[in-house]
């Protein structure tokens, strides 16, 4: 397995038990054609400078399937967080490429599949806290989702105040409390798989 990571600080955080990551970007992979059996990217296509170029490069270096874990921007605003921080989810929806455009850009046969998020998901993206809204009150939890860094303090303050008020009054639980006991949540998280 070969990892690619353009961020020096992220490469430095890799556990010692793992092989080092290659300093490169998806849009210009330093590998020969067809050298890999498969390729995948997790929550990164929305950060690429040129999505189509990155997808072409992934296909070029891969003989088999290419798998992308991403969010469907057409579903991002369906999450309860939109009531409290619409600017954050509007930012996410604008940043993610359309799911309909990903598989065709990779060529071959494409399949899109919704990924159920478990109630106690440990990853730090917004929908991971679908049944644990108190977690999003912690600025450190929000920091794990880059969309929060694109909004100003006014948005974060409004979010803190309005969600805290609804949690204290019971309004959040009256409308969304069923999520606290829902074992999985199907939101905007999807896997796009393209096979040549």
N, C-alpha and C. Protein backbone atom coordinates (compact mmCIF):
# COMPACT_ATOMS: atom_id res chain seq x y z
N UNK A 1 0.84 -1.17 0.00
CA UNK A 1 0.00 0.00 0.00
C UNK A 1 0.89 1.24 0.00
N UNK A 2 0.52 2.23 -0.79
CA UNK A 2 1.26 3.48 -0.89
C UNK A 2 0.32 4.62 -0.58
N UNK A 3 0.68 5.44 0.39
CA UNK A 3 -0.14 6.59 0.76
C UNK A 3 0.44 7.86 0.15
N UNK A 4 -0.43 8.76 -0.26
CA UNK A 4 -0.04 10.06 -0.79
C UNK A 4 -0.64 11.13 0.13
N UNK A 5 0.19 12.05 0.57
CA UNK A 5 -0.28 13.13 1.45
C UNK A 5 0.51 14.39 1.17
N UNK A 6 -0.14 15.44 0.65
CA UNK A 6 0.58 16.68 0.32
C UNK A 6 0.93 17.55 1.53
N UNK A 7 0.30 17.31 2.66
CA UNK A 7 0.52 18.14 3.84
C UNK A 7 1.67 17.59 4.69
N UNK A 8 2.69 18.41 4.88
CA UNK A 8 3.83 18.00 5.70
C UNK A 8 3.40 17.68 7.14
N UNK A 9 2.53 18.50 7.70
CA UNK A 9 2.10 18.26 9.07
C UNK A 9 1.29 16.97 9.20
N UNK A 10 0.49 16.64 8.19
CA UNK A 10 -0.27 15.38 8.22
C UNK A 10 0.67 14.18 8.06
N UNK A 11 1.67 14.32 7.20
CA UNK A 11 2.65 13.23 7.06
C UNK A 11 3.37 12.99 8.38
N UNK A 12 3.69 14.05 9.08
CA UNK A 12 4.41 13.94 10.36
C UNK A 12 3.55 13.26 11.43
N UNK A 13 2.22 13.33 11.29
CA UNK A 13 1.32 12.72 12.27
C UNK A 13 1.07 11.23 12.03
N UNK A 14 1.57 10.72 10.92
CA UNK A 14 1.33 9.29 10.63
C UNK A 14 1.98 8.44 11.70
N UNK A 15 1.27 7.43 12.19
CA UNK A 15 1.85 6.53 13.19
C UNK A 15 3.11 5.85 12.65
N UNK A 16 4.08 5.64 13.51
CA UNK A 16 5.37 5.06 13.12
C UNK A 16 5.20 3.66 12.53
N UNK A 17 4.14 2.96 12.92
CA UNK A 17 3.94 1.58 12.42
C UNK A 17 3.55 1.55 10.94
N UNK A 18 3.16 2.70 10.40
CA UNK A 18 2.77 2.77 8.99
C UNK A 18 3.95 3.26 8.15
N UNK A 19 3.94 2.83 6.91
CA UNK A 19 4.96 3.33 5.97
C UNK A 19 4.74 4.82 5.77
N UNK A 20 5.80 5.53 5.48
CA UNK A 20 5.70 6.96 5.23
C UNK A 20 4.84 7.25 4.02
N UNK A 21 4.26 8.44 3.99
CA UNK A 21 3.43 8.85 2.86
C UNK A 21 4.27 9.63 1.86
N UNK A 22 3.93 9.48 0.60
CA UNK A 22 4.60 10.18 -0.50
C UNK A 22 4.11 11.64 -0.53
N UNK A 23 5.03 12.57 -0.67
CA UNK A 23 4.69 13.99 -0.79
C UNK A 23 4.28 14.26 -2.23
N UNK A 24 2.97 14.29 -2.46
CA UNK A 24 2.45 14.52 -3.82
C UNK A 24 1.00 14.95 -3.72
N UNK A 25 0.44 15.37 -4.85
CA UNK A 25 -0.97 15.74 -4.93
C UNK A 25 -1.66 14.83 -5.94
N UNK A 26 -2.95 14.69 -5.77
CA UNK A 26 -3.72 13.82 -6.65
C UNK A 26 -3.62 14.24 -8.11
N UNK A 27 -3.51 15.53 -8.35
CA UNK A 27 -3.51 16.05 -9.71
C UNK A 27 -2.21 15.74 -10.47
N UNK A 28 -1.19 15.27 -9.77
CA UNK A 28 0.11 14.99 -10.40
C UNK A 28 0.80 13.86 -9.63
N UNK A 29 0.30 12.65 -9.81
CA UNK A 29 0.82 11.50 -9.08
C UNK A 29 2.14 11.02 -9.69
N UNK A 30 3.15 10.80 -8.86
CA UNK A 30 4.47 10.42 -9.36
C UNK A 30 4.64 8.91 -9.55
N UNK A 31 3.70 8.30 -10.26
CA UNK A 31 3.72 6.85 -10.47
C UNK A 31 3.49 6.53 -11.95
N UNK A 32 3.97 5.36 -12.35
CA UNK A 32 3.79 4.90 -13.73
C UNK A 32 2.33 4.51 -13.98
N UNK A 33 1.96 4.46 -15.24
CA UNK A 33 0.62 4.05 -15.63
C UNK A 33 0.33 2.64 -15.12
N UNK A 34 -0.88 2.44 -14.58
CA UNK A 34 -1.36 1.12 -14.19
C UNK A 34 -0.54 0.39 -13.15
N UNK A 35 0.18 1.09 -12.32
CA UNK A 35 1.05 0.44 -11.34
C UNK A 35 0.30 -0.12 -10.13
N UNK A 36 -0.91 0.37 -9.86
CA UNK A 36 -1.66 -0.08 -8.68
C UNK A 36 -2.87 -0.94 -9.08
N UNK A 37 -3.18 -1.91 -8.21
CA UNK A 37 -4.36 -2.76 -8.42
C UNK A 37 -5.65 -1.99 -8.15
N UNK A 38 -5.60 -1.08 -7.18
CA UNK A 38 -6.78 -0.29 -6.80
C UNK A 38 -6.29 1.02 -6.18
N UNK A 39 -7.19 1.98 -6.10
CA UNK A 39 -6.86 3.27 -5.48
C UNK A 39 -8.09 3.78 -4.74
N UNK A 40 -7.85 4.54 -3.69
CA UNK A 40 -8.96 5.15 -2.97
C UNK A 40 -8.55 6.49 -2.40
N UNK A 41 -9.56 7.31 -2.19
CA UNK A 41 -9.35 8.59 -1.52
C UNK A 41 -10.50 8.80 -0.55
N UNK A 42 -10.18 9.29 0.62
CA UNK A 42 -11.16 9.46 1.68
C UNK A 42 -11.28 10.94 2.05
N UNK A 43 -12.46 11.50 1.87
CA UNK A 43 -12.73 12.88 2.26
C UNK A 43 -11.68 13.86 1.77
N UNK A 44 -11.27 13.75 0.51
CA UNK A 44 -10.25 14.70 0.02
C UNK A 44 -10.60 15.38 -1.29
N UNK A 45 -11.48 14.82 -2.11
CA UNK A 45 -11.71 15.40 -3.44
C UNK A 45 -12.16 16.86 -3.38
N UNK A 46 -12.85 17.24 -2.32
CA UNK A 46 -13.32 18.63 -2.20
C UNK A 46 -12.18 19.60 -1.89
N UNK A 47 -11.00 19.06 -1.59
CA UNK A 47 -9.84 19.91 -1.30
C UNK A 47 -8.86 19.99 -2.46
N UNK A 48 -9.10 19.24 -3.52
CA UNK A 48 -8.20 19.25 -4.66
C UNK A 48 -8.37 20.54 -5.45
N UNK A 49 -7.29 21.01 -6.06
CA UNK A 49 -7.38 22.23 -6.87
C UNK A 49 -8.06 21.97 -8.21
N UNK A 50 -7.97 20.72 -8.71
CA UNK A 50 -8.59 20.36 -9.99
C UNK A 50 -9.09 18.93 -9.88
N UNK A 51 -10.37 18.78 -9.57
CA UNK A 51 -10.94 17.45 -9.34
C UNK A 51 -10.80 16.55 -10.55
N UNK A 52 -11.12 17.05 -11.73
CA UNK A 52 -11.05 16.21 -12.94
C UNK A 52 -9.62 15.71 -13.18
N UNK A 53 -8.63 16.57 -12.97
CA UNK A 53 -7.23 16.16 -13.15
C UNK A 53 -6.86 15.10 -12.12
N UNK A 54 -7.30 15.26 -10.89
CA UNK A 54 -7.01 14.26 -9.86
C UNK A 54 -7.64 12.92 -10.17
N UNK A 55 -8.87 12.94 -10.66
CA UNK A 55 -9.55 11.69 -11.02
C UNK A 55 -8.86 11.02 -12.22
N UNK A 56 -8.46 11.82 -13.19
CA UNK A 56 -7.74 11.26 -14.34
C UNK A 56 -6.44 10.60 -13.89
N UNK A 57 -5.74 11.24 -12.96
CA UNK A 57 -4.49 10.68 -12.45
C UNK A 57 -4.74 9.38 -11.68
N UNK A 58 -5.79 9.36 -10.86
CA UNK A 58 -6.11 8.13 -10.13
C UNK A 58 -6.39 6.99 -11.11
N UNK A 59 -7.15 7.28 -12.15
CA UNK A 59 -7.46 6.25 -13.15
C UNK A 59 -6.20 5.84 -13.90
N UNK A 60 -5.35 6.78 -14.24
CA UNK A 60 -4.13 6.49 -15.00
C UNK A 60 -3.22 5.51 -14.25
N UNK A 61 -3.08 5.66 -12.94
CA UNK A 61 -2.14 4.83 -12.20
C UNK A 61 -2.76 3.54 -11.68
N UNK A 62 -4.07 3.32 -11.97
CA UNK A 62 -4.80 2.19 -11.38
C UNK A 62 -5.37 1.26 -12.44
N UNK A 63 -5.08 -0.03 -12.30
CA UNK A 63 -5.62 -1.04 -13.22
C UNK A 63 -7.05 -1.43 -12.88
N UNK A 64 -7.38 -1.42 -11.60
CA UNK A 64 -8.68 -1.90 -11.14
C UNK A 64 -9.58 -0.79 -10.64
N UNK A 65 -10.32 -1.08 -9.58
CA UNK A 65 -11.30 -0.11 -9.09
C UNK A 65 -10.66 1.12 -8.43
N UNK A 66 -11.37 2.22 -8.56
CA UNK A 66 -11.04 3.45 -7.83
C UNK A 66 -12.24 3.74 -6.94
N UNK A 67 -11.97 3.98 -5.66
CA UNK A 67 -13.02 4.19 -4.67
C UNK A 67 -12.85 5.56 -4.04
N UNK A 68 -13.95 6.30 -3.95
CA UNK A 68 -13.94 7.65 -3.38
C UNK A 68 -14.97 7.71 -2.26
N UNK A 69 -14.53 8.07 -1.06
CA UNK A 69 -15.45 8.34 0.04
C UNK A 69 -15.61 9.86 0.08
N UNK A 70 -16.84 10.31 -0.05
CA UNK A 70 -17.10 11.75 -0.13
C UNK A 70 -18.51 12.02 0.36
N UNK A 71 -18.94 13.24 0.24
CA UNK A 71 -20.32 13.61 0.56
C UNK A 71 -21.02 14.05 -0.70
N UNK A 72 -22.29 13.70 -0.78
CA UNK A 72 -23.12 14.13 -1.90
C UNK A 72 -23.62 15.54 -1.59
N UNK A 73 -23.15 16.55 -2.33
CA UNK A 73 -23.54 17.92 -1.99
C UNK A 73 -25.04 18.18 -2.08
N UNK A 74 -25.75 17.37 -2.84
CA UNK A 74 -27.20 17.58 -2.95
C UNK A 74 -27.93 17.12 -1.68
N UNK A 75 -27.24 16.40 -0.79
CA UNK A 75 -27.87 15.90 0.44
C UNK A 75 -27.33 16.57 1.71
N UNK A 76 -26.27 17.34 1.58
CA UNK A 76 -25.61 17.93 2.75
C UNK A 76 -26.57 18.76 3.59
N UNK A 77 -27.44 19.54 2.95
CA UNK A 77 -28.32 20.45 3.69
C UNK A 77 -29.51 19.75 4.35
N UNK A 78 -29.65 18.44 4.15
CA UNK A 78 -30.77 17.70 4.75
C UNK A 78 -30.51 17.36 6.22
N UNK A 79 -29.33 17.62 6.71
CA UNK A 79 -28.94 17.29 8.08
C UNK A 79 -29.48 18.35 9.05
N UNK A 80 -29.84 17.95 10.28
CA UNK A 80 -30.42 18.88 11.26
C UNK A 80 -29.53 20.10 11.53
N UNK A 81 -28.25 19.99 11.33
CA UNK A 81 -27.33 21.10 11.58
C UNK A 81 -27.67 22.32 10.71
N UNK A 82 -28.35 22.09 9.60
CA UNK A 82 -28.68 23.21 8.71
C UNK A 82 -29.54 24.26 9.41
N UNK A 83 -30.36 23.84 10.36
CA UNK A 83 -31.18 24.79 11.10
C UNK A 83 -30.32 25.72 11.96
N UNK A 84 -29.19 25.24 12.42
CA UNK A 84 -28.38 26.00 13.37
C UNK A 84 -27.17 26.68 12.74
N UNK A 85 -26.65 26.12 11.67
CA UNK A 85 -25.47 26.70 11.01
C UNK A 85 -25.57 26.49 9.50
N UNK A 86 -26.56 27.12 8.86
CA UNK A 86 -26.73 26.91 7.42
C UNK A 86 -25.49 27.32 6.61
N UNK A 87 -24.78 28.33 7.10
CA UNK A 87 -23.59 28.79 6.38
C UNK A 87 -22.52 27.69 6.28
N UNK A 88 -22.42 26.87 7.32
CA UNK A 88 -21.44 25.78 7.32
C UNK A 88 -21.80 24.74 6.27
N UNK A 89 -23.07 24.35 6.26
CA UNK A 89 -23.48 23.32 5.29
C UNK A 89 -23.57 23.87 3.88
N UNK A 90 -23.89 25.16 3.74
CA UNK A 90 -23.83 25.78 2.41
C UNK A 90 -22.40 25.73 1.88
N UNK A 91 -21.44 25.99 2.76
CA UNK A 91 -20.02 25.93 2.39
C UNK A 91 -19.65 24.52 1.95
N UNK A 92 -20.07 23.53 2.73
CA UNK A 92 -19.77 22.15 2.35
C UNK A 92 -20.40 21.79 1.01
N UNK A 93 -21.64 22.16 0.83
CA UNK A 93 -22.33 21.82 -0.42
C UNK A 93 -21.63 22.43 -1.63
N UNK A 94 -21.09 23.64 -1.48
CA UNK A 94 -20.37 24.28 -2.59
C UNK A 94 -19.02 23.62 -2.85
N UNK A 95 -18.38 23.11 -1.82
CA UNK A 95 -17.02 22.58 -1.96
C UNK A 95 -16.98 21.17 -2.57
N UNK A 96 -17.98 20.35 -2.28
CA UNK A 96 -17.97 18.98 -2.77
C UNK A 96 -18.37 18.92 -4.24
N UNK A 97 -17.62 18.16 -5.04
CA UNK A 97 -18.05 17.98 -6.44
C UNK A 97 -19.30 17.10 -6.49
N UNK A 98 -20.08 17.25 -7.55
CA UNK A 98 -21.29 16.45 -7.67
C UNK A 98 -20.92 14.97 -7.79
N UNK A 99 -21.72 14.14 -7.19
CA UNK A 99 -21.50 12.69 -7.25
C UNK A 99 -21.67 12.21 -8.68
N UNK A 100 -22.62 12.83 -9.40
CA UNK A 100 -22.89 12.43 -10.78
C UNK A 100 -21.69 12.65 -11.69
N UNK A 101 -20.79 13.55 -11.31
CA UNK A 101 -19.63 13.84 -12.14
C UNK A 101 -18.40 13.01 -11.80
N UNK A 102 -18.40 12.36 -10.64
CA UNK A 102 -17.20 11.62 -10.22
C UNK A 102 -16.98 10.33 -11.00
N UNK A 103 -17.96 9.44 -10.99
CA UNK A 103 -17.79 8.14 -11.63
C UNK A 103 -17.51 8.27 -13.13
N UNK A 104 -18.26 9.08 -13.88
CA UNK A 104 -17.97 9.21 -15.31
C UNK A 104 -16.55 9.72 -15.59
N UNK A 105 -16.05 10.59 -14.74
CA UNK A 105 -14.69 11.11 -14.94
C UNK A 105 -13.64 10.02 -14.78
N UNK A 106 -13.99 8.95 -14.07
CA UNK A 106 -13.07 7.83 -13.87
C UNK A 106 -13.20 6.78 -14.96
N UNK A 107 -14.24 6.87 -15.76
CA UNK A 107 -14.44 5.90 -16.84
C UNK A 107 -14.96 4.58 -16.31
N UNK A 108 -15.37 3.73 -17.21
CA UNK A 108 -15.84 2.40 -16.84
C UNK A 108 -17.22 2.43 -16.22
N UNK A 109 -17.45 1.50 -15.31
CA UNK A 109 -18.74 1.35 -14.65
C UNK A 109 -18.69 1.98 -13.27
N UNK A 110 -19.61 2.86 -12.99
CA UNK A 110 -19.63 3.54 -11.69
C UNK A 110 -20.82 3.14 -10.86
N UNK A 111 -20.61 3.03 -9.56
CA UNK A 111 -21.68 2.71 -8.61
C UNK A 111 -21.56 3.69 -7.45
N UNK A 112 -22.69 4.25 -7.02
CA UNK A 112 -22.73 5.14 -5.86
C UNK A 112 -23.53 4.44 -4.77
N UNK A 113 -22.98 4.42 -3.57
CA UNK A 113 -23.61 3.72 -2.47
C UNK A 113 -23.59 4.60 -1.22
N UNK A 114 -24.74 4.74 -0.57
CA UNK A 114 -24.81 5.49 0.68
C UNK A 114 -24.10 4.71 1.78
N UNK A 115 -23.39 5.42 2.63
CA UNK A 115 -22.67 4.78 3.74
C UNK A 115 -23.41 5.09 5.04
N UNK A 116 -23.95 4.06 5.70
CA UNK A 116 -24.59 4.30 6.99
C UNK A 116 -23.55 4.71 8.03
N UNK A 117 -23.85 5.77 8.78
CA UNK A 117 -22.93 6.27 9.81
C UNK A 117 -23.39 5.71 11.15
N UNK A 118 -22.50 5.02 11.88
CA UNK A 118 -22.90 4.47 13.18
C UNK A 118 -23.07 5.58 14.23
N UNK A 119 -23.94 5.33 15.18
CA UNK A 119 -24.25 6.31 16.22
C UNK A 119 -23.01 6.79 16.96
N UNK A 120 -22.07 5.91 17.23
CA UNK A 120 -20.87 6.29 17.98
C UNK A 120 -19.64 6.40 17.08
N UNK A 121 -19.86 6.89 15.88
CA UNK A 121 -18.77 7.09 14.92
C UNK A 121 -17.70 7.97 15.56
N UNK A 122 -16.44 7.58 15.40
CA UNK A 122 -15.35 8.34 16.03
C UNK A 122 -14.70 9.33 15.08
N UNK A 123 -15.07 9.33 13.81
CA UNK A 123 -14.51 10.31 12.89
C UNK A 123 -15.12 11.68 13.18
N UNK A 124 -14.43 12.73 12.78
CA UNK A 124 -14.87 14.07 13.15
C UNK A 124 -15.53 14.85 12.06
N UNK A 125 -16.54 14.34 11.40
CA UNK A 125 -17.28 15.13 10.42
C UNK A 125 -18.66 15.40 10.99
N UNK A 126 -19.32 16.42 10.48
CA UNK A 126 -20.57 16.89 11.09
C UNK A 126 -21.60 15.80 11.33
N UNK A 127 -21.88 14.99 10.31
CA UNK A 127 -22.93 13.98 10.44
C UNK A 127 -22.55 12.85 11.41
N UNK A 128 -21.27 12.74 11.77
CA UNK A 128 -20.87 11.73 12.75
C UNK A 128 -21.53 11.99 14.10
N UNK A 129 -22.01 13.21 14.31
CA UNK A 129 -22.64 13.58 15.57
C UNK A 129 -24.16 13.70 15.44
N UNK A 130 -24.72 12.96 14.50
CA UNK A 130 -26.15 13.08 14.22
C UNK A 130 -27.00 12.85 15.47
N UNK A 131 -26.61 11.94 16.33
CA UNK A 131 -27.37 11.64 17.55
C UNK A 131 -26.70 12.13 18.81
N UNK A 132 -25.65 12.91 18.68
CA UNK A 132 -24.90 13.44 19.82
C UNK A 132 -24.63 14.93 19.60
N UNK A 133 -25.66 15.75 19.57
CA UNK A 133 -25.49 17.17 19.23
C UNK A 133 -24.57 17.91 20.19
N UNK A 134 -24.52 17.47 21.44
CA UNK A 134 -23.65 18.13 22.42
C UNK A 134 -22.19 18.11 22.00
N UNK A 135 -21.80 17.09 21.25
CA UNK A 135 -20.41 16.98 20.79
C UNK A 135 -20.04 18.17 19.91
N UNK A 136 -20.97 18.66 19.11
CA UNK A 136 -20.67 19.79 18.23
C UNK A 136 -20.58 21.12 18.99
N UNK A 137 -20.93 21.11 20.25
CA UNK A 137 -20.73 22.30 21.07
C UNK A 137 -19.24 22.49 21.39
N UNK A 138 -18.47 21.43 21.25
CA UNK A 138 -17.03 21.48 21.52
C UNK A 138 -16.30 22.02 20.28
N UNK A 139 -15.64 23.17 20.39
CA UNK A 139 -14.92 23.72 19.23
C UNK A 139 -13.89 22.75 18.65
N UNK A 140 -13.30 21.90 19.47
CA UNK A 140 -12.32 20.93 18.97
C UNK A 140 -12.99 19.92 18.04
N UNK A 141 -14.21 19.52 18.35
CA UNK A 141 -14.94 18.59 17.48
C UNK A 141 -15.26 19.25 16.15
N UNK A 142 -15.65 20.52 16.19
CA UNK A 142 -15.95 21.24 14.96
C UNK A 142 -14.70 21.47 14.12
N UNK A 143 -13.58 21.65 14.77
CA UNK A 143 -12.33 21.92 14.06
C UNK A 143 -11.94 20.78 13.11
N UNK A 144 -12.39 19.57 13.42
CA UNK A 144 -12.07 18.43 12.56
C UNK A 144 -12.77 18.52 11.20
N UNK A 145 -13.78 19.36 11.09
CA UNK A 145 -14.50 19.54 9.83
C UNK A 145 -14.11 20.89 9.26
N UNK A 146 -13.42 20.89 8.14
CA UNK A 146 -12.83 22.12 7.59
C UNK A 146 -13.85 23.19 7.24
N UNK A 147 -15.10 22.84 6.98
CA UNK A 147 -16.10 23.84 6.60
C UNK A 147 -16.28 24.89 7.69
N UNK A 148 -16.09 24.51 8.95
CA UNK A 148 -16.23 25.47 10.05
C UNK A 148 -15.18 26.57 9.96
N UNK A 149 -14.05 26.29 9.35
CA UNK A 149 -12.99 27.31 9.24
C UNK A 149 -13.30 28.34 8.15
N UNK A 150 -14.32 28.11 7.36
CA UNK A 150 -14.69 29.03 6.29
C UNK A 150 -15.78 30.02 6.71
N UNK A 151 -16.26 29.89 7.94
CA UNK A 151 -17.29 30.82 8.42
C UNK A 151 -16.70 31.70 9.52
N UNK A 152 -17.35 32.83 9.78
CA UNK A 152 -16.81 33.77 10.76
C UNK A 152 -17.32 33.48 12.17
N UNK A 153 -16.80 34.22 13.12
CA UNK A 153 -17.14 34.03 14.53
C UNK A 153 -18.64 34.24 14.78
N UNK A 154 -19.24 35.15 14.05
CA UNK A 154 -20.68 35.41 14.22
C UNK A 154 -21.49 34.13 13.98
N UNK A 155 -21.13 33.37 12.96
CA UNK A 155 -21.83 32.11 12.64
C UNK A 155 -21.63 31.10 13.77
N UNK A 156 -20.40 30.97 14.24
CA UNK A 156 -20.13 30.03 15.32
C UNK A 156 -20.85 30.43 16.61
N UNK A 157 -20.88 31.73 16.90
CA UNK A 157 -21.56 32.22 18.11
C UNK A 157 -23.06 31.97 18.01
N UNK A 158 -23.65 32.24 16.85
CA UNK A 158 -25.08 31.97 16.65
C UNK A 158 -25.37 30.48 16.83
N UNK A 159 -24.52 29.64 16.24
CA UNK A 159 -24.69 28.20 16.38
C UNK A 159 -24.66 27.80 17.85
N UNK A 160 -23.61 28.24 18.57
CA UNK A 160 -23.47 27.89 19.99
C UNK A 160 -24.71 28.30 20.78
N UNK A 161 -25.14 29.53 20.57
CA UNK A 161 -26.29 30.05 21.33
C UNK A 161 -27.57 29.30 20.98
N UNK A 162 -27.86 29.14 19.70
CA UNK A 162 -29.15 28.55 19.31
C UNK A 162 -29.21 27.06 19.62
N UNK A 163 -28.14 26.32 19.39
CA UNK A 163 -28.19 24.89 19.73
C UNK A 163 -28.24 24.70 21.24
N UNK A 164 -27.44 25.44 21.98
CA UNK A 164 -27.45 25.32 23.44
C UNK A 164 -28.86 25.63 23.99
N UNK A 165 -29.47 26.67 23.46
CA UNK A 165 -30.82 27.03 23.90
C UNK A 165 -31.82 25.91 23.62
N UNK A 166 -31.75 25.31 22.42
CA UNK A 166 -32.67 24.23 22.07
C UNK A 166 -32.39 22.95 22.85
N UNK A 167 -31.13 22.71 23.18
CA UNK A 167 -30.81 21.54 24.01
C UNK A 167 -31.34 21.74 25.42
N UNK A 168 -31.15 22.94 25.97
CA UNK A 168 -31.61 23.23 27.34
C UNK A 168 -33.13 23.23 27.45
N UNK A 169 -33.80 23.71 26.41
CA UNK A 169 -35.27 23.78 26.46
C UNK A 169 -35.93 22.46 26.10
N UNK A 170 -35.18 21.57 25.47
CA UNK A 170 -35.75 20.30 25.01
C UNK A 170 -36.27 20.36 23.58
N UNK A 171 -36.15 21.52 22.93
CA UNK A 171 -36.66 21.67 21.56
C UNK A 171 -35.92 20.76 20.59
N UNK A 172 -34.59 20.63 20.75
CA UNK A 172 -33.84 19.75 19.85
C UNK A 172 -34.34 18.31 20.00
N UNK A 173 -34.49 17.87 21.25
CA UNK A 173 -34.94 16.49 21.48
C UNK A 173 -36.37 16.26 21.02
N UNK A 174 -37.20 17.27 21.14
CA UNK A 174 -38.59 17.12 20.69
C UNK A 174 -38.65 16.81 19.20
N UNK A 175 -37.75 17.43 18.44
CA UNK A 175 -37.78 17.22 16.99
C UNK A 175 -36.82 16.14 16.51
N UNK A 176 -35.63 16.09 17.10
CA UNK A 176 -34.59 15.19 16.60
C UNK A 176 -34.15 14.12 17.60
N UNK A 177 -34.77 14.08 18.75
CA UNK A 177 -34.34 13.17 19.82
C UNK A 177 -34.31 11.70 19.43
N UNK A 178 -35.14 11.31 18.48
CA UNK A 178 -35.14 9.91 18.03
C UNK A 178 -33.76 9.50 17.49
N UNK A 179 -32.97 10.48 17.03
CA UNK A 179 -31.64 10.18 16.48
C UNK A 179 -30.69 9.69 17.57
N UNK A 180 -30.93 10.04 18.81
CA UNK A 180 -30.06 9.63 19.91
C UNK A 180 -30.02 8.10 20.06
N UNK A 181 -31.05 7.43 19.58
CA UNK A 181 -31.15 5.97 19.73
C UNK A 181 -31.16 5.25 18.39
N UNK A 182 -30.97 5.98 17.32
CA UNK A 182 -30.95 5.39 15.98
C UNK A 182 -29.55 4.83 15.73
N UNK A 183 -29.44 3.54 15.47
CA UNK A 183 -28.12 2.89 15.39
C UNK A 183 -27.27 3.39 14.23
N UNK A 184 -27.90 3.79 13.14
CA UNK A 184 -27.15 4.35 12.00
C UNK A 184 -27.95 5.50 11.40
N UNK A 185 -27.23 6.32 10.64
CA UNK A 185 -27.85 7.46 9.97
C UNK A 185 -27.37 7.46 8.53
N UNK A 186 -28.31 7.56 7.60
CA UNK A 186 -27.96 7.65 6.19
C UNK A 186 -28.15 9.09 5.76
N UNK A 187 -27.04 9.79 5.61
CA UNK A 187 -27.06 11.19 5.23
C UNK A 187 -26.40 11.39 3.88
N UNK A 188 -25.43 12.29 3.84
CA UNK A 188 -24.77 12.63 2.58
C UNK A 188 -23.52 11.80 2.30
N UNK A 189 -23.07 10.99 3.24
CA UNK A 189 -21.84 10.20 3.06
C UNK A 189 -22.06 9.08 2.04
N UNK A 190 -21.22 9.07 1.00
CA UNK A 190 -21.34 8.07 -0.05
C UNK A 190 -19.97 7.52 -0.46
N UNK A 191 -20.03 6.34 -1.03
CA UNK A 191 -18.85 5.75 -1.69
C UNK A 191 -19.16 5.72 -3.18
N UNK A 192 -18.24 6.25 -3.94
CA UNK A 192 -18.32 6.17 -5.41
C UNK A 192 -17.25 5.16 -5.82
N UNK A 193 -17.66 4.12 -6.54
CA UNK A 193 -16.72 3.08 -6.98
C UNK A 193 -16.79 2.97 -8.49
N UNK A 194 -15.64 3.10 -9.13
CA UNK A 194 -15.58 3.01 -10.58
C UNK A 194 -14.63 1.90 -10.98
N UNK A 195 -15.12 0.99 -11.81
CA UNK A 195 -14.32 -0.14 -12.30
C UNK A 195 -14.15 -0.01 -13.80
N UNK A 196 -12.91 -0.18 -14.28
CA UNK A 196 -12.67 -0.02 -15.73
C UNK A 196 -13.40 -1.09 -16.54
